[in-house]
């Protein structure tokens, strides 16, 4: 499945970060004097109940602007999270993120990472959506594949190896349905497995894996570089029901398919 690159993701990929301006994670840069105190009080006010904002309207205006900007950034990264929790619950999650989370970065374009961290550390509070973090993480992996800058090695058909722009995912919930029997976000009897990757046309793709191709792809990832024979014999061990010629044909067929998809290079 193809995922389109958003304007926000292009900004993240092209952003020229000034490393000297990054403060130590977890240690907010202090603000000096009365202005610093005022900003600290203002931040505390924004993190408090909405009804506690002053009647002047300035704080409420700023709060709505901040929340609108936050939604614009995160909605581009987590569209299926919004679809599955609904607009009202998404607004609730944004409010909770603003009030509870202490970001470890001053950069607005790193908010998707911070939001994912927020969901992870608050999983117990959102038991009504037990699949929430898994779905958000899968969408975040699409962002990772979009902005990754790893150099691709020259193609080598003599060896079997995965692209460095491939990311293997495994979750308790199916974040993408395998077939009609399993709908999105259904809890699995066995882990849902899939991959996110970027092809040679710089398009982010993703798909689910059945157990056999998942086992094969895991073997390739473990080897890093290998031959067909190096894959076939380990797969036969402990599987007396498998026939060597059938396993070899299956491995070759999957490898040919994955080469066409730019999963193998």
Protein backbone atom coordinates (compact mmCIF):
# COMPACT_ATOMS: atom_id res chain seq x y z
CA UNK A 1 0.00 0.00 0.00
CA UNK A 2 1.27 3.47 -0.88
CA UNK A 3 1.39 6.37 1.53
CA UNK A 4 1.61 9.93 0.22
CA UNK A 5 4.20 12.31 1.65
CA UNK A 6 2.67 15.30 3.40
CA UNK A 7 3.89 18.89 3.46
CA UNK A 8 4.81 18.51 7.13
CA UNK A 9 6.92 15.41 6.42
CA UNK A 10 8.79 17.24 3.67
CA UNK A 11 9.53 19.99 6.18
CA UNK A 12 10.93 17.45 8.65
CA UNK A 13 13.11 15.83 5.99
CA UNK A 14 14.45 19.14 4.68
CA UNK A 15 14.83 20.95 8.01
CA UNK A 16 18.40 22.11 8.64
CA UNK A 17 18.63 21.75 12.43
CA UNK A 18 21.06 23.93 14.36
CA UNK A 19 22.59 21.35 16.71
CA UNK A 20 23.91 24.00 19.06
CA UNK A 21 20.38 25.13 19.87
CA UNK A 22 19.20 21.75 21.16
CA UNK A 23 18.94 21.71 24.93
CA UNK A 24 19.55 18.68 27.11
CA UNK A 25 16.48 16.37 27.04
CA UNK A 26 14.41 16.72 30.16
CA UNK A 27 16.05 20.00 31.20
CA UNK A 28 14.03 22.96 29.89
CA UNK A 29 16.03 26.04 28.97
CA UNK A 30 15.51 28.65 31.72
CA UNK A 31 13.91 32.00 31.01
CA UNK A 32 15.50 34.95 32.79
CA UNK A 33 13.90 37.65 34.95
CA UNK A 34 10.30 38.74 35.20
CA UNK A 35 9.61 37.70 31.59
CA UNK A 36 10.71 34.17 32.42
CA UNK A 37 8.46 34.05 35.45
CA UNK A 38 5.53 35.36 33.42
CA UNK A 39 6.08 32.74 30.72
CA UNK A 40 6.32 30.01 33.36
CA UNK A 41 3.02 31.13 34.89
CA UNK A 42 1.45 31.39 31.45
CA UNK A 43 2.57 27.86 30.59
CA UNK A 44 1.12 26.55 33.84
CA UNK A 45 -2.15 28.31 33.04
CA UNK A 46 -2.33 26.69 29.62
CA UNK A 47 -1.77 23.29 31.17
CA UNK A 48 -4.59 23.83 33.65
CA UNK A 49 -8.35 23.49 33.06
CA UNK A 50 -9.68 25.46 30.11
CA UNK A 51 -12.19 27.17 32.39
CA UNK A 52 -9.30 28.61 34.45
CA UNK A 53 -8.03 30.75 31.57
CA UNK A 54 -8.56 34.46 32.25
CA UNK A 55 -11.51 36.38 30.91
CA UNK A 56 -9.31 38.74 28.89
CA UNK A 57 -9.48 36.24 26.06
CA UNK A 58 -5.77 36.40 25.18
CA UNK A 59 -4.93 33.10 26.82
CA UNK A 60 -7.91 31.41 25.20
CA UNK A 61 -6.95 32.78 21.78
CA UNK A 62 -3.37 31.59 22.21
CA UNK A 63 -4.57 28.21 23.46
CA UNK A 64 -6.78 27.72 20.39
CA UNK A 65 -3.94 28.76 18.07
CA UNK A 66 -1.54 26.38 19.78
CA UNK A 67 -4.05 23.55 19.66
CA UNK A 68 -4.85 24.22 15.98
CA UNK A 69 -1.15 24.10 15.09
CA UNK A 70 -0.73 20.92 17.09
CA UNK A 71 -3.65 19.31 15.30
CA UNK A 72 -2.28 20.34 11.89
CA UNK A 73 1.06 18.67 12.61
CA UNK A 74 -0.22 15.49 14.24
CA UNK A 75 -3.22 14.93 11.96
CA UNK A 76 -0.85 14.58 9.00
CA UNK A 77 1.03 11.81 10.77
CA UNK A 78 -1.80 9.98 12.56
CA UNK A 79 -4.84 10.09 10.24
CA UNK A 80 -5.96 6.53 11.01
CA UNK A 81 -5.71 7.15 14.75
CA UNK A 82 -8.17 10.02 14.27
CA UNK A 83 -10.45 7.88 12.11
CA UNK A 84 -10.61 5.13 14.73
CA UNK A 85 -10.96 7.16 17.93
CA UNK A 86 -13.24 9.79 16.38
CA UNK A 87 -12.94 13.58 16.24
CA UNK A 88 -14.21 14.20 19.78
CA UNK A 89 -11.84 11.71 21.38
CA UNK A 90 -8.97 13.01 19.25
CA UNK A 91 -9.62 16.50 20.64
CA UNK A 92 -9.53 14.99 24.14
CA UNK A 93 -6.15 13.35 23.42
CA UNK A 94 -4.72 16.65 22.15
CA UNK A 95 -5.87 18.43 25.32
CA UNK A 96 -4.34 15.72 27.51
CA UNK A 97 -1.10 15.87 25.54
CA UNK A 98 -0.87 19.64 26.01
CA UNK A 99 -1.60 19.45 29.73
CA UNK A 100 0.35 16.38 30.78
CA UNK A 101 3.34 15.85 28.51
CA UNK A 102 6.72 17.46 29.15
CA UNK A 103 8.47 17.53 25.80
CA UNK A 104 12.20 16.80 25.61
CA UNK A 105 12.67 18.97 22.52
CA UNK A 106 11.95 22.60 21.63
CA UNK A 107 11.29 21.78 17.96
CA UNK A 108 7.72 21.77 16.72
CA UNK A 109 8.45 19.30 13.91
CA UNK A 110 9.47 16.65 16.49
CA UNK A 111 6.01 16.68 18.09
CA UNK A 112 4.97 13.39 16.39
CA UNK A 113 7.76 11.66 18.34
CA UNK A 114 6.65 13.35 21.55
CA UNK A 115 3.01 12.39 21.00
CA UNK A 116 3.98 8.74 20.50
CA UNK A 117 5.99 8.87 23.72
CA UNK A 118 2.98 10.38 25.47
CA UNK A 119 0.74 7.52 24.31
CA UNK A 120 3.28 4.92 25.44
CA UNK A 121 3.64 6.33 28.94
CA UNK A 122 -0.13 6.69 29.34
CA UNK A 123 -1.29 3.36 27.87
CA UNK A 124 -3.02 2.39 31.11
CA UNK A 125 -5.18 5.53 31.01
CA UNK A 126 -6.64 4.72 27.60
CA UNK A 127 -7.75 1.12 28.08
CA UNK A 128 -10.84 1.80 25.96
CA UNK A 129 -8.41 1.89 23.00
CA UNK A 130 -5.98 -0.96 23.78
CA UNK A 131 -4.74 -0.84 20.18
CA UNK A 132 -4.03 2.91 20.25
CA UNK A 133 -0.27 2.85 20.72
CA UNK A 134 0.24 0.08 18.16
CA UNK A 135 -1.70 1.95 15.49
CA UNK A 136 0.08 5.22 16.28
CA UNK A 137 3.47 3.51 16.21
CA UNK A 138 2.73 1.98 12.81
CA UNK A 139 1.80 5.37 11.39
CA UNK A 140 4.89 6.88 13.01
CA UNK A 141 7.03 4.22 11.28
CA UNK A 142 5.70 5.53 7.98
CA UNK A 143 7.09 8.92 8.94
CA UNK A 144 10.44 7.31 9.86
CA UNK A 145 10.60 5.67 6.43
CA UNK A 146 9.72 8.97 4.76
CA UNK A 147 12.48 11.02 6.36
CA UNK A 148 15.21 8.34 6.60
CA UNK A 149 18.43 9.38 4.88
CA UNK A 150 20.35 6.07 4.82
CA UNK A 151 22.45 5.64 1.70
CA UNK A 152 21.36 2.71 -0.46
CA UNK A 153 24.15 0.29 -1.47
CA UNK A 154 24.61 -0.64 -5.12
CA UNK A 155 22.25 -3.43 -6.26
CA UNK A 156 23.70 -6.93 -5.98
CA UNK A 157 21.63 -9.76 -7.45
CA UNK A 158 24.19 -12.36 -6.34
CA UNK A 159 23.21 -11.85 -2.71
CA UNK A 160 19.92 -11.55 -0.86
CA UNK A 161 19.70 -8.50 1.39
CA UNK A 162 17.02 -6.11 2.53
CA UNK A 163 16.97 -2.40 1.84
CA UNK A 164 18.10 -0.35 4.86
CA UNK A 165 14.86 1.60 4.37
CA UNK A 166 12.74 -1.33 5.52
CA UNK A 167 11.21 -1.47 9.01
CA UNK A 168 9.73 -4.65 10.44
CA UNK A 169 6.71 -4.25 12.75
CA UNK A 170 4.94 -6.68 15.07
CA UNK A 171 1.90 -5.89 17.21
CA UNK A 172 -0.72 -7.62 19.33
CA UNK A 173 -3.42 -5.94 17.23
CA UNK A 174 -3.87 -5.97 13.48
CA UNK A 175 -3.21 -2.38 12.47
CA UNK A 176 -3.97 -3.34 8.89
CA UNK A 177 -6.40 -6.18 8.01
CA UNK A 178 -4.94 -9.30 6.44
CA UNK A 179 -8.26 -10.47 5.02
CA UNK A 180 -12.02 -10.21 5.48
CA UNK A 181 -11.89 -12.34 8.62
CA UNK A 182 -9.79 -9.75 10.46
CA UNK A 183 -10.83 -6.14 10.44
CA UNK A 184 -8.51 -3.29 11.34
CA UNK A 185 -7.52 -3.20 15.01
CA UNK A 186 -8.80 -6.73 15.70
CA UNK A 187 -6.92 -8.55 18.44
CA UNK A 188 -4.96 -11.45 17.03
CA UNK A 189 -4.52 -15.02 18.23
CA UNK A 190 -0.91 -14.53 17.07
CA UNK A 191 1.02 -11.28 16.55
CA UNK A 192 0.25 -9.16 13.51
CA UNK A 193 3.38 -8.70 11.42
CA UNK A 194 4.09 -6.26 8.61
CA UNK A 195 6.69 -4.01 7.04
CA UNK A 196 7.02 -0.34 6.20
CA UNK A 197 9.58 0.64 3.57
CA UNK A 198 10.55 3.24 0.99
CA UNK A 199 11.06 2.13 -2.59
CA UNK A 200 13.34 3.40 -5.33
CA UNK A 201 10.76 6.01 -6.36
CA UNK A 202 10.86 7.45 -2.80
CA UNK A 203 7.34 6.20 -2.10
CA UNK A 204 6.52 4.83 1.34
CA UNK A 205 4.81 1.44 1.10
CA UNK A 206 3.49 -1.00 3.68
CA UNK A 207 1.83 -4.39 3.80
CA UNK A 208 0.95 -7.22 6.17
CA UNK A 209 2.82 -10.52 6.31
CA UNK A 210 1.43 -14.02 6.68
CA UNK A 211 3.47 -16.30 9.01
CA UNK A 212 5.56 -18.02 6.30
CA UNK A 213 6.83 -14.89 4.45
CA UNK A 214 7.26 -13.23 7.85
CA UNK A 215 9.54 -16.10 8.93
CA UNK A 216 11.50 -15.83 5.68
CA UNK A 217 11.91 -12.07 5.93
CA UNK A 218 13.08 -12.36 9.53
CA UNK A 219 15.72 -14.86 8.39
CA UNK A 220 16.95 -12.46 5.70
CA UNK A 221 17.13 -9.60 8.19
CA UNK A 222 19.13 -11.75 10.60
CA UNK A 223 21.63 -12.77 7.90
CA UNK A 224 21.96 -9.23 6.48
CA UNK A 225 23.49 -10.77 3.33
CA UNK A 226 22.97 -14.38 2.30
CA UNK A 227 22.33 -16.86 -0.51
CA UNK A 228 19.25 -18.95 -1.27
CA UNK A 229 20.92 -22.01 0.23
CA UNK A 230 21.72 -20.19 3.46
CA UNK A 231 17.99 -19.53 3.82
CA UNK A 232 16.60 -22.90 2.71
CA UNK A 233 18.42 -25.28 5.06
CA UNK A 234 17.69 -23.42 8.33
CA UNK A 235 14.02 -23.18 7.33
CA UNK A 236 13.92 -26.97 6.83
CA UNK A 237 15.30 -27.72 10.29
CA UNK A 238 12.58 -28.78 12.68
CA UNK A 239 9.98 -28.81 9.88
CA UNK A 240 9.85 -32.40 8.67
CA UNK A 241 6.65 -31.72 6.74
CA UNK A 242 8.49 -29.34 4.41
CA UNK A 243 10.08 -30.62 1.22
CA UNK A 244 13.36 -29.05 0.21
CA UNK A 245 12.41 -28.35 -3.40
CA UNK A 246 9.12 -26.72 -2.32
CA UNK A 247 10.86 -24.54 0.25
CA UNK A 248 13.50 -23.50 -2.31
CA UNK A 249 10.84 -22.61 -4.88
CA UNK A 250 8.91 -20.59 -2.30
CA UNK A 251 12.03 -18.74 -1.14
CA UNK A 252 13.00 -17.91 -4.73
CA UNK A 253 9.46 -16.74 -5.56
CA UNK A 254 9.26 -14.45 -2.53
CA UNK A 255 12.73 -13.07 -3.15
CA UNK A 256 11.84 -12.28 -6.77
CA UNK A 257 8.66 -10.52 -5.63
CA UNK A 258 10.51 -8.52 -3.01
CA UNK A 259 13.19 -7.48 -5.49
CA UNK A 260 10.49 -6.05 -7.74
CA UNK A 261 9.13 -4.10 -4.78
CA UNK A 262 12.61 -2.79 -3.83
CA UNK A 263 12.47 -4.63 -0.50
CA UNK A 264 15.53 -6.62 -1.57
CA UNK A 265 18.38 -4.81 -3.29
